N, C-alpha and C. Protein backbone atom coordinates (compact mmCIF):
# COMPACT_ATOMS: atom_id res chain seq x y z
N UNK A 1 -1.57 -8.44 5.37
CA UNK A 1 -2.13 -7.65 4.68
C UNK A 1 -2.89 -8.47 3.34
N UNK A 2 -3.92 -9.27 2.53
CA UNK A 2 -3.86 -9.73 1.68
C UNK A 2 -4.31 -9.14 0.57
N UNK A 3 -3.97 -9.59 -1.09
CA UNK A 3 -4.80 -8.76 -2.49
C UNK A 3 -6.60 -8.83 -2.02
N UNK A 4 -6.78 -9.73 -1.37
CA UNK A 4 -8.61 -9.46 -1.04
C UNK A 4 -8.27 -8.50 -0.15
N UNK A 5 -7.82 -8.36 0.94
CA UNK A 5 -8.55 -7.23 1.62
C UNK A 5 -8.19 -5.60 0.88
N UNK A 6 -7.17 -5.86 0.01
CA UNK A 6 -7.11 -4.00 -0.65
C UNK A 6 -8.26 -4.11 -1.80
N UNK A 7 -8.62 -5.56 -2.56
CA UNK A 7 -9.89 -5.38 -2.98
C UNK A 7 -9.58 -4.32 -4.44
N UNK A 8 -8.58 -4.21 -5.13
CA UNK A 8 -8.21 -3.49 -6.09
C UNK A 8 -6.83 -3.89 -7.04
N UNK A 9 -6.50 -3.27 -8.35
CA UNK A 9 -5.59 -3.28 -9.29
C UNK A 9 -4.25 -2.73 -8.57
N UNK A 10 -3.55 -3.50 -8.01
CA UNK A 10 -1.80 -2.90 -7.63
C UNK A 10 -1.56 -2.85 -9.04
N UNK A 11 -0.85 -1.22 -8.81
CA UNK A 11 -0.31 -0.46 -10.27
C UNK A 11 1.33 -0.50 -9.67
N UNK A 12 1.32 -1.20 -8.72
CA UNK A 12 3.04 0.15 -8.47
C UNK A 12 3.42 -0.41 -6.79
N UNK A 13 4.69 -1.27 -6.68
CA UNK A 13 5.25 -1.53 -5.19
C UNK A 13 7.11 -1.21 -5.23
N UNK A 14 6.94 -0.50 -4.20
CA UNK A 14 7.98 0.28 -4.18
C UNK A 14 8.41 -0.44 -2.56
N UNK A 15 9.27 -0.54 -2.08
CA UNK A 15 10.21 -1.47 -0.99
C UNK A 15 10.84 0.39 -0.10
N UNK A 16 10.58 0.48 0.97
CA UNK A 16 10.98 1.77 1.66
C UNK A 16 11.97 1.88 2.68
N UNK A 17 13.04 2.09 2.88
CA UNK A 17 13.83 2.10 4.23
C UNK A 17 13.76 3.70 4.98
N UNK A 18 12.53 3.41 5.63
CA UNK A 18 12.69 4.90 6.40
C UNK A 18 12.65 4.71 8.20
N UNK A 19 14.05 5.08 8.52
CA UNK A 19 14.09 5.31 9.80
C UNK A 19 14.24 3.60 10.26
N UNK A 20 15.44 2.76 9.43
CA UNK A 20 15.67 1.68 9.85
C UNK A 20 13.99 0.97 9.75
N UNK A 21 13.44 1.37 9.45
CA UNK A 21 11.93 0.08 9.57
C UNK A 21 11.67 0.51 7.69
N UNK A 22 11.23 -0.90 7.51
CA UNK A 22 11.21 -1.06 5.98
C UNK A 22 9.79 -1.21 6.00
N UNK A 23 8.85 -0.41 5.05
CA UNK A 23 7.75 -0.51 4.67
C UNK A 23 7.42 -0.90 2.78
N UNK A 24 6.17 -0.93 2.73
CA UNK A 24 5.81 -1.20 1.02
C UNK A 24 5.09 0.29 0.93
N UNK A 25 5.56 0.77 -0.61
CA UNK A 25 4.62 2.00 -0.55
C UNK A 25 3.68 1.41 -1.78
N UNK A 26 2.73 1.19 -2.10
CA UNK A 26 1.39 0.95 -3.05
C UNK A 26 0.86 1.53 -3.64
N UNK A 27 0.44 1.67 -4.93
CA UNK A 27 0.19 2.65 -5.57
C UNK A 27 -1.41 1.83 -5.92
N UNK A 28 -2.91 2.18 -5.94
CA UNK A 28 -3.56 0.76 -6.38
C UNK A 28 -5.05 1.63 -6.97
N UNK A 29 -5.63 1.01 -7.48
CA UNK A 29 -6.77 1.81 -8.45
C UNK A 29 -7.85 0.82 -8.17
N UNK A 30 -8.42 1.87 -7.03
CA UNK A 30 -9.99 1.42 -6.57
C UNK A 30 -10.88 1.25 -7.40
N UNK A 31 -12.01 0.16 -6.80
CA UNK A 31 -13.01 0.07 -7.86
C UNK A 31 -13.68 1.15 -8.15
N UNK A 32 -14.29 1.94 -7.88
CA UNK A 32 -14.37 3.48 -7.88
C UNK A 32 -13.90 4.38 -9.01
N UNK A 33 -12.07 3.95 -9.50
CA UNK A 33 -11.30 4.48 -10.13
C UNK A 33 -10.51 5.66 -10.33
N UNK A 34 -10.44 5.30 -8.93
CA UNK A 34 -9.65 6.75 -8.11
C UNK A 34 -8.28 5.78 -7.56
N UNK A 35 -7.18 6.73 -7.69
CA UNK A 35 -5.92 6.18 -7.15
C UNK A 35 -5.45 6.72 -5.70
N UNK A 36 -5.09 5.65 -5.41
CA UNK A 36 -4.69 5.22 -3.79
C UNK A 36 -3.75 4.89 -3.29
N UNK A 37 -2.78 5.35 -2.01
CA UNK A 37 -1.79 4.99 -1.88
C UNK A 37 -1.57 4.80 -0.64
N UNK A 38 -1.30 3.39 -0.15
CA UNK A 38 -1.04 3.01 0.93
C UNK A 38 0.39 2.08 1.30
N UNK A 39 0.86 2.61 2.58
CA UNK A 39 2.09 1.68 3.22
C UNK A 39 1.40 0.95 3.97
N UNK A 40 2.29 -0.04 4.07
CA UNK A 40 2.16 -1.60 4.75
C UNK A 40 3.81 -1.72 5.44
N UNK A 41 3.69 -1.76 6.83
CA UNK A 41 4.63 -2.37 7.37
C UNK A 41 5.43 -3.41 6.76
N UNK A 42 6.69 -3.68 6.31
CA UNK A 42 7.28 -4.74 5.12
C UNK A 42 6.91 -6.41 5.99
N UNK A 43 7.20 -6.14 7.52
CA UNK A 43 7.36 -6.92 8.06
C UNK A 43 5.88 -7.96 8.78
N UNK A 44 5.09 -6.54 9.08
CA UNK A 44 3.63 -7.52 9.63
C UNK A 44 2.81 -7.55 8.46
N UNK A 45 3.15 -6.54 7.38
CA UNK A 45 1.70 -6.21 6.69
C UNK A 45 0.77 -5.65 7.06
N UNK A 46 0.92 -4.90 8.27
CA UNK A 46 -0.21 -4.28 8.93
C UNK A 46 -0.51 -2.65 8.05
N UNK A 47 -1.34 -2.11 7.61
CA UNK A 47 -1.35 -0.58 7.56
C UNK A 47 -0.90 0.00 8.43
N UNK A 48 -0.08 0.98 7.77
CA UNK A 48 0.58 2.07 8.29
C UNK A 48 -0.48 3.44 8.42
N UNK A 49 -0.38 3.08 6.25
CA UNK A 49 -1.19 4.82 6.01
C UNK A 49 -2.35 4.41 4.78
N UNK A 50 -3.44 5.07 4.28
CA UNK A 50 -3.87 5.35 3.22
C UNK A 50 -4.47 6.16 2.69
N UNK A 51 -3.59 7.02 1.75
CA UNK A 51 -3.66 8.21 0.73
C UNK A 51 -4.93 8.23 -0.17
N UNK A 52 -5.80 8.99 0.13
CA UNK A 52 -6.71 9.24 -0.93
C UNK A 52 -6.83 10.08 -1.88
N UNK A 53 -6.15 10.11 -3.11
CA UNK A 53 -6.12 10.94 -4.12
C UNK A 53 -7.19 11.99 -4.48
C-alpha cells in the first residue's frame, strides 16, 4: 500500500497487535471530505478492511 493508492490525507496511524498479527489502523480524510478507516496488514501492506463512516 502506498500513499498514491490511498489518495487521501492520513490523519492518524496506529499499530495494532491482534491475535499475533500486526496491522496498521489508519484514519484518513477522503477527497469527498468524509472520514474513513483502513486496516492494513503490517507485513505486506495489503488492505484488510475499509470502513466508510
